[in-house]
N, C-alpha and C. Protein backbone atom coordinates (compact mmCIF):
# COMPACT_ATOMS: atom_id res chain seq x y z
N UNK A 1 0.83 -1.17 0.00
CA UNK A 1 0.00 0.00 0.00
C UNK A 1 0.88 1.25 0.00
N UNK A 2 0.52 2.20 -0.83
CA UNK A 2 1.26 3.45 -0.85
C UNK A 2 0.48 4.50 -0.07
N UNK A 3 1.21 5.33 0.58
CA UNK A 3 0.57 6.42 1.32
C UNK A 3 0.44 7.62 0.41
N UNK A 4 -0.70 8.24 0.50
CA UNK A 4 -0.91 9.48 -0.26
C UNK A 4 -1.00 10.62 0.73
N UNK A 5 -0.34 11.66 0.40
CA UNK A 5 -0.38 12.85 1.23
C UNK A 5 -1.28 13.86 0.56
N UNK A 6 -2.29 14.25 1.28
CA UNK A 6 -3.22 15.25 0.74
C UNK A 6 -2.68 16.64 1.04
N UNK A 7 -2.65 17.43 0.03
CA UNK A 7 -2.25 18.82 0.21
C UNK A 7 -3.52 19.64 0.27
N UNK A 8 -3.73 20.24 1.42
CA UNK A 8 -4.93 21.05 1.61
C UNK A 8 -4.63 22.48 1.21
N UNK A 9 -5.43 22.96 0.33
CA UNK A 9 -5.29 24.35 -0.10
C UNK A 9 -6.48 25.13 0.41
N UNK A 10 -6.26 26.38 0.70
CA UNK A 10 -7.36 27.24 1.10
C UNK A 10 -8.24 27.47 -0.12
N UNK A 11 -9.55 27.31 0.07
CA UNK A 11 -10.42 27.58 -1.06
C UNK A 11 -10.39 29.06 -1.42
N UNK A 12 -10.50 29.33 -2.68
CA UNK A 12 -10.53 30.73 -3.13
C UNK A 12 -11.84 31.35 -2.66
N UNK A 13 -11.78 32.54 -2.11
CA UNK A 13 -13.03 33.18 -1.67
C UNK A 13 -13.92 33.47 -2.87
N UNK A 14 -15.22 33.34 -2.63
CA UNK A 14 -16.15 33.60 -3.73
C UNK A 14 -16.17 35.07 -4.10
N UNK A 15 -15.94 35.90 -3.14
CA UNK A 15 -15.92 37.35 -3.37
C UNK A 15 -14.67 37.90 -2.71
N UNK A 16 -13.68 38.27 -3.47
CA UNK A 16 -12.46 38.77 -2.85
C UNK A 16 -12.72 40.04 -2.05
N UNK A 17 -11.95 40.23 -1.02
CA UNK A 17 -12.10 41.41 -0.18
C UNK A 17 -11.85 42.68 -0.98
N UNK A 18 -12.61 43.68 -0.68
CA UNK A 18 -12.42 44.98 -1.31
C UNK A 18 -11.03 45.51 -0.97
N UNK A 19 -10.53 45.10 0.18
CA UNK A 19 -9.22 45.58 0.61
C UNK A 19 -8.07 44.78 0.01
N UNK A 20 -8.38 43.86 -0.92
CA UNK A 20 -7.33 43.09 -1.58
C UNK A 20 -6.50 43.96 -2.50
N UNK A 21 -7.04 45.10 -2.88
CA UNK A 21 -6.29 46.04 -3.70
C UNK A 21 -6.51 47.43 -3.13
N UNK A 22 -5.64 48.37 -3.45
CA UNK A 22 -5.78 49.72 -2.90
C UNK A 22 -7.12 50.37 -3.26
N UNK A 23 -7.68 51.05 -2.29
CA UNK A 23 -8.95 51.76 -2.49
C UNK A 23 -8.68 53.15 -3.05
N UNK A 24 -9.56 53.59 -3.93
CA UNK A 24 -9.46 54.99 -4.32
C UNK A 24 -10.25 55.81 -3.30
N UNK A 25 -10.17 57.10 -3.38
CA UNK A 25 -10.78 57.99 -2.39
C UNK A 25 -12.30 57.80 -2.32
N UNK A 26 -12.93 57.62 -3.47
CA UNK A 26 -14.39 57.46 -3.49
C UNK A 26 -14.82 56.15 -2.82
N UNK A 27 -14.12 55.07 -3.10
CA UNK A 27 -14.44 53.78 -2.46
C UNK A 27 -14.23 53.86 -0.95
N UNK A 28 -13.13 54.48 -0.55
CA UNK A 28 -12.83 54.62 0.88
C UNK A 28 -13.91 55.44 1.59
N UNK A 29 -14.35 56.52 0.95
CA UNK A 29 -15.39 57.36 1.55
C UNK A 29 -16.71 56.59 1.68
N UNK A 30 -17.04 55.80 0.67
CA UNK A 30 -18.27 55.01 0.72
C UNK A 30 -18.24 53.97 1.82
N UNK A 31 -17.10 53.29 1.97
CA UNK A 31 -16.97 52.32 3.05
C UNK A 31 -17.01 53.00 4.41
N UNK A 32 -16.33 54.12 4.54
CA UNK A 32 -16.31 54.84 5.81
C UNK A 32 -17.71 55.28 6.22
N UNK A 33 -18.50 55.73 5.25
CA UNK A 33 -19.88 56.14 5.55
C UNK A 33 -20.67 54.96 6.10
N UNK A 34 -20.52 53.81 5.49
CA UNK A 34 -21.23 52.61 5.96
C UNK A 34 -20.78 52.18 7.33
N UNK A 35 -19.47 52.11 7.55
CA UNK A 35 -18.96 51.68 8.85
C UNK A 35 -19.28 52.70 9.94
N UNK A 36 -19.27 53.98 9.61
CA UNK A 36 -19.64 55.00 10.59
C UNK A 36 -21.10 54.82 11.02
N UNK A 37 -21.96 54.52 10.06
CA UNK A 37 -23.37 54.31 10.39
C UNK A 37 -23.55 53.09 11.29
N UNK A 38 -22.69 52.11 11.16
CA UNK A 38 -22.79 50.90 11.98
C UNK A 38 -22.23 51.11 13.39
N UNK A 39 -21.49 52.16 13.60
CA UNK A 39 -20.78 52.38 14.86
C UNK A 39 -21.66 53.00 15.93
N UNK A 40 -22.85 52.48 16.09
CA UNK A 40 -23.78 52.98 17.11
C UNK A 40 -24.64 51.82 17.57
N UNK A 41 -24.79 51.61 18.87
CA UNK A 41 -25.58 50.49 19.37
C UNK A 41 -27.04 50.50 18.93
N UNK A 42 -27.65 51.68 18.89
CA UNK A 42 -29.06 51.75 18.47
C UNK A 42 -29.20 51.34 17.01
N UNK A 43 -28.30 51.81 16.17
CA UNK A 43 -28.38 51.46 14.75
C UNK A 43 -28.12 49.97 14.52
N UNK A 44 -27.24 49.38 15.32
CA UNK A 44 -27.04 47.94 15.23
C UNK A 44 -28.30 47.19 15.66
N UNK A 45 -28.99 47.70 16.67
CA UNK A 45 -30.26 47.09 17.07
C UNK A 45 -31.29 47.21 15.95
N UNK A 46 -31.35 48.34 15.30
CA UNK A 46 -32.27 48.53 14.18
C UNK A 46 -32.01 47.49 13.10
N UNK A 47 -30.73 47.31 12.75
CA UNK A 47 -30.39 46.32 11.73
C UNK A 47 -30.77 44.92 12.16
N UNK A 48 -30.60 44.59 13.43
CA UNK A 48 -30.95 43.25 13.90
C UNK A 48 -32.46 43.03 13.87
N UNK A 49 -33.21 44.07 14.18
CA UNK A 49 -34.68 43.97 14.11
C UNK A 49 -35.11 43.75 12.66
N UNK A 50 -34.51 44.51 11.75
CA UNK A 50 -34.85 44.35 10.33
C UNK A 50 -34.44 42.97 9.81
N UNK A 51 -33.28 42.50 10.23
CA UNK A 51 -32.80 41.19 9.76
C UNK A 51 -33.71 40.06 10.25
N UNK A 52 -34.33 40.24 11.41
CA UNK A 52 -35.19 39.21 11.98
C UNK A 52 -36.65 39.34 11.56
N UNK A 53 -36.99 40.40 10.85
CA UNK A 53 -38.40 40.63 10.47
C UNK A 53 -38.88 39.55 9.51
N UNK A 54 -39.95 38.86 9.87
CA UNK A 54 -40.46 37.78 9.01
C UNK A 54 -40.86 38.26 7.62
N UNK A 55 -41.37 39.47 7.53
CA UNK A 55 -41.80 40.02 6.25
C UNK A 55 -40.68 40.75 5.52
N UNK A 56 -39.52 40.90 6.18
CA UNK A 56 -38.40 41.58 5.55
C UNK A 56 -38.47 43.09 5.65
N UNK A 57 -39.49 43.59 6.32
CA UNK A 57 -39.62 45.03 6.48
C UNK A 57 -40.31 45.33 7.81
N UNK A 58 -40.08 46.55 8.31
CA UNK A 58 -40.64 46.96 9.59
C UNK A 58 -41.11 48.39 9.46
N UNK A 59 -42.30 48.67 10.00
CA UNK A 59 -42.83 50.03 10.04
C UNK A 59 -42.04 50.84 11.06
N UNK A 60 -41.78 52.09 10.75
CA UNK A 60 -41.03 52.95 11.64
C UNK A 60 -41.64 52.96 13.04
N UNK A 61 -42.94 52.85 13.14
CA UNK A 61 -43.61 52.87 14.44
C UNK A 61 -43.27 51.65 15.30
N UNK A 62 -42.83 50.57 14.67
CA UNK A 62 -42.54 49.33 15.40
C UNK A 62 -41.15 49.31 16.03
N UNK A 63 -40.35 50.34 15.80
CA UNK A 63 -39.02 50.40 16.40
C UNK A 63 -39.03 51.07 17.77
N UNK A 64 -40.00 51.90 18.03
CA UNK A 64 -40.01 52.73 19.24
C UNK A 64 -39.93 51.89 20.51
N UNK A 65 -40.82 50.94 20.67
CA UNK A 65 -40.86 50.15 21.91
C UNK A 65 -39.62 49.28 22.11
N UNK A 66 -39.22 48.46 21.13
CA UNK A 66 -38.05 47.61 21.40
C UNK A 66 -36.75 48.39 21.60
N UNK A 67 -36.65 49.56 21.00
CA UNK A 67 -35.44 50.37 21.17
C UNK A 67 -35.48 51.24 22.41
N UNK A 68 -36.69 51.50 22.91
CA UNK A 68 -36.83 52.38 24.07
C UNK A 68 -36.45 53.81 23.76
N UNK A 69 -36.67 54.21 22.51
CA UNK A 69 -36.32 55.56 22.05
C UNK A 69 -37.58 56.24 21.52
N UNK A 70 -37.56 57.56 21.49
CA UNK A 70 -38.69 58.31 20.95
C UNK A 70 -38.73 58.15 19.43
N UNK A 71 -39.89 58.42 18.85
CA UNK A 71 -40.04 58.30 17.40
C UNK A 71 -39.08 59.23 16.65
N UNK A 72 -38.89 60.48 17.08
CA UNK A 72 -37.91 61.32 16.38
C UNK A 72 -36.48 60.76 16.44
N UNK A 73 -36.10 60.17 17.57
CA UNK A 73 -34.78 59.58 17.69
C UNK A 73 -34.63 58.38 16.77
N UNK A 74 -35.66 57.53 16.73
CA UNK A 74 -35.66 56.38 15.82
C UNK A 74 -35.53 56.85 14.38
N UNK A 75 -36.30 57.86 14.02
CA UNK A 75 -36.23 58.39 12.65
C UNK A 75 -34.84 58.94 12.33
N UNK A 76 -34.21 59.58 13.29
CA UNK A 76 -32.85 60.09 13.10
C UNK A 76 -31.89 58.94 12.77
N UNK A 77 -31.95 57.87 13.54
CA UNK A 77 -31.07 56.73 13.31
C UNK A 77 -31.37 56.06 11.97
N UNK A 78 -32.63 55.95 11.62
CA UNK A 78 -33.00 55.37 10.33
C UNK A 78 -32.50 56.22 9.17
N UNK A 79 -32.53 57.54 9.35
CA UNK A 79 -32.02 58.43 8.30
C UNK A 79 -30.52 58.22 8.09
N UNK A 80 -29.78 58.07 9.17
CA UNK A 80 -28.34 57.82 9.05
C UNK A 80 -28.09 56.51 8.32
N UNK A 81 -28.84 55.47 8.68
CA UNK A 81 -28.69 54.19 8.00
C UNK A 81 -29.08 54.28 6.53
N UNK A 82 -30.13 55.04 6.24
CA UNK A 82 -30.56 55.21 4.85
C UNK A 82 -29.55 56.01 4.04
N UNK A 83 -29.00 57.06 4.64
CA UNK A 83 -27.99 57.88 3.96
C UNK A 83 -26.74 57.06 3.64
N UNK A 84 -26.46 56.06 4.47
CA UNK A 84 -25.31 55.18 4.25
C UNK A 84 -25.65 54.04 3.29
N UNK A 85 -26.92 53.98 2.86
CA UNK A 85 -27.33 52.96 1.91
C UNK A 85 -27.59 51.60 2.54
N UNK A 86 -27.70 51.53 3.85
CA UNK A 86 -27.88 50.26 4.54
C UNK A 86 -29.33 49.83 4.66
N UNK A 87 -30.25 50.79 4.60
CA UNK A 87 -31.68 50.49 4.64
C UNK A 87 -32.40 51.32 3.59
N UNK A 88 -33.58 50.86 3.23
CA UNK A 88 -34.44 51.60 2.31
C UNK A 88 -35.78 51.81 2.98
N UNK A 89 -36.34 52.98 2.79
CA UNK A 89 -37.66 53.28 3.33
C UNK A 89 -38.66 53.45 2.21
N UNK A 90 -39.86 52.95 2.44
CA UNK A 90 -40.95 53.10 1.48
C UNK A 90 -42.16 53.68 2.20
N UNK A 91 -42.57 54.87 1.77
CA UNK A 91 -43.71 55.53 2.41
C UNK A 91 -45.00 54.88 1.94
N UNK A 92 -45.84 54.55 2.91
CA UNK A 92 -47.18 54.03 2.66
C UNK A 92 -48.14 54.79 3.55
N UNK A 93 -48.90 55.67 2.92
CA UNK A 93 -49.80 56.55 3.66
C UNK A 93 -48.94 57.41 4.59
N UNK A 94 -49.20 57.38 5.90
CA UNK A 94 -48.41 58.23 6.80
C UNK A 94 -47.23 57.50 7.43
N UNK A 95 -47.05 56.21 7.13
CA UNK A 95 -45.97 55.43 7.72
C UNK A 95 -44.89 55.11 6.70
N UNK A 96 -43.69 54.89 7.19
CA UNK A 96 -42.58 54.47 6.34
C UNK A 96 -42.15 53.07 6.79
N UNK A 97 -42.03 52.18 5.83
CA UNK A 97 -41.60 50.81 6.10
C UNK A 97 -40.15 50.67 5.63
N UNK A 98 -39.32 50.11 6.50
CA UNK A 98 -37.89 49.99 6.23
C UNK A 98 -37.51 48.54 5.99
N UNK A 99 -36.52 48.37 5.10
CA UNK A 99 -35.94 47.06 4.83
C UNK A 99 -34.44 47.21 4.67
N UNK A 100 -33.74 46.10 4.85
CA UNK A 100 -32.28 46.10 4.72
C UNK A 100 -31.87 46.14 3.26
N UNK A 101 -30.74 46.77 3.00
CA UNK A 101 -30.09 46.63 1.69
C UNK A 101 -29.00 45.59 1.89
N UNK A 102 -29.34 44.35 1.64
CA UNK A 102 -28.43 43.23 1.90
C UNK A 102 -27.18 43.29 1.02
N UNK A 103 -27.32 43.84 -0.18
CA UNK A 103 -26.14 43.96 -1.05
C UNK A 103 -25.13 44.94 -0.46
N UNK A 104 -25.61 46.04 0.06
CA UNK A 104 -24.72 47.04 0.67
C UNK A 104 -24.03 46.46 1.91
N UNK A 105 -24.80 45.72 2.72
CA UNK A 105 -24.21 45.08 3.89
C UNK A 105 -23.17 44.05 3.47
N UNK A 106 -23.43 43.32 2.39
CA UNK A 106 -22.47 42.34 1.89
C UNK A 106 -21.18 43.03 1.42
N UNK A 107 -21.32 44.22 0.82
CA UNK A 107 -20.14 44.98 0.40
C UNK A 107 -19.26 45.33 1.61
N UNK A 108 -19.90 45.77 2.69
CA UNK A 108 -19.15 46.11 3.89
C UNK A 108 -18.50 44.88 4.49
N UNK A 109 -19.26 43.79 4.51
CA UNK A 109 -18.73 42.54 5.06
C UNK A 109 -17.53 42.06 4.25
N UNK A 110 -17.62 42.16 2.93
CA UNK A 110 -16.51 41.68 2.11
C UNK A 110 -15.28 42.58 2.25
N UNK A 111 -15.48 43.82 2.66
CA UNK A 111 -14.34 44.72 2.85
C UNK A 111 -13.47 44.27 4.01
N UNK A 112 -14.05 43.57 4.97
CA UNK A 112 -13.26 43.16 6.14
C UNK A 112 -12.98 41.67 6.16
N UNK A 113 -13.55 40.91 5.23
CA UNK A 113 -13.24 39.48 5.15
C UNK A 113 -11.80 39.29 4.72
N UNK A 114 -11.18 38.29 5.31
CA UNK A 114 -9.80 38.00 4.90
C UNK A 114 -9.73 36.63 4.28
């Protein structure tokens, strides 16, 4: 019997990190805007609520109680997330329903994947 030695290679990532090559100023600014928006506990809670939403969207009014914040404060945080491209809002009558931009979140995730 001959012994075979298996050489294990790291699988190639399906999506190479954005940081695999130098960033230009515009790319760096876009990433910084996204990461800055994530650098707040309330906004991270908002994203977790949206990620867990069975319908994939949440009415702005449904954030107030679980966050323990006033409606204007919730709206402020949602605006920051929307400006960073992390969430989208759709107005329906007097309410706005928010959903995650999963592609934008994936872009940020791939920027830090190694």
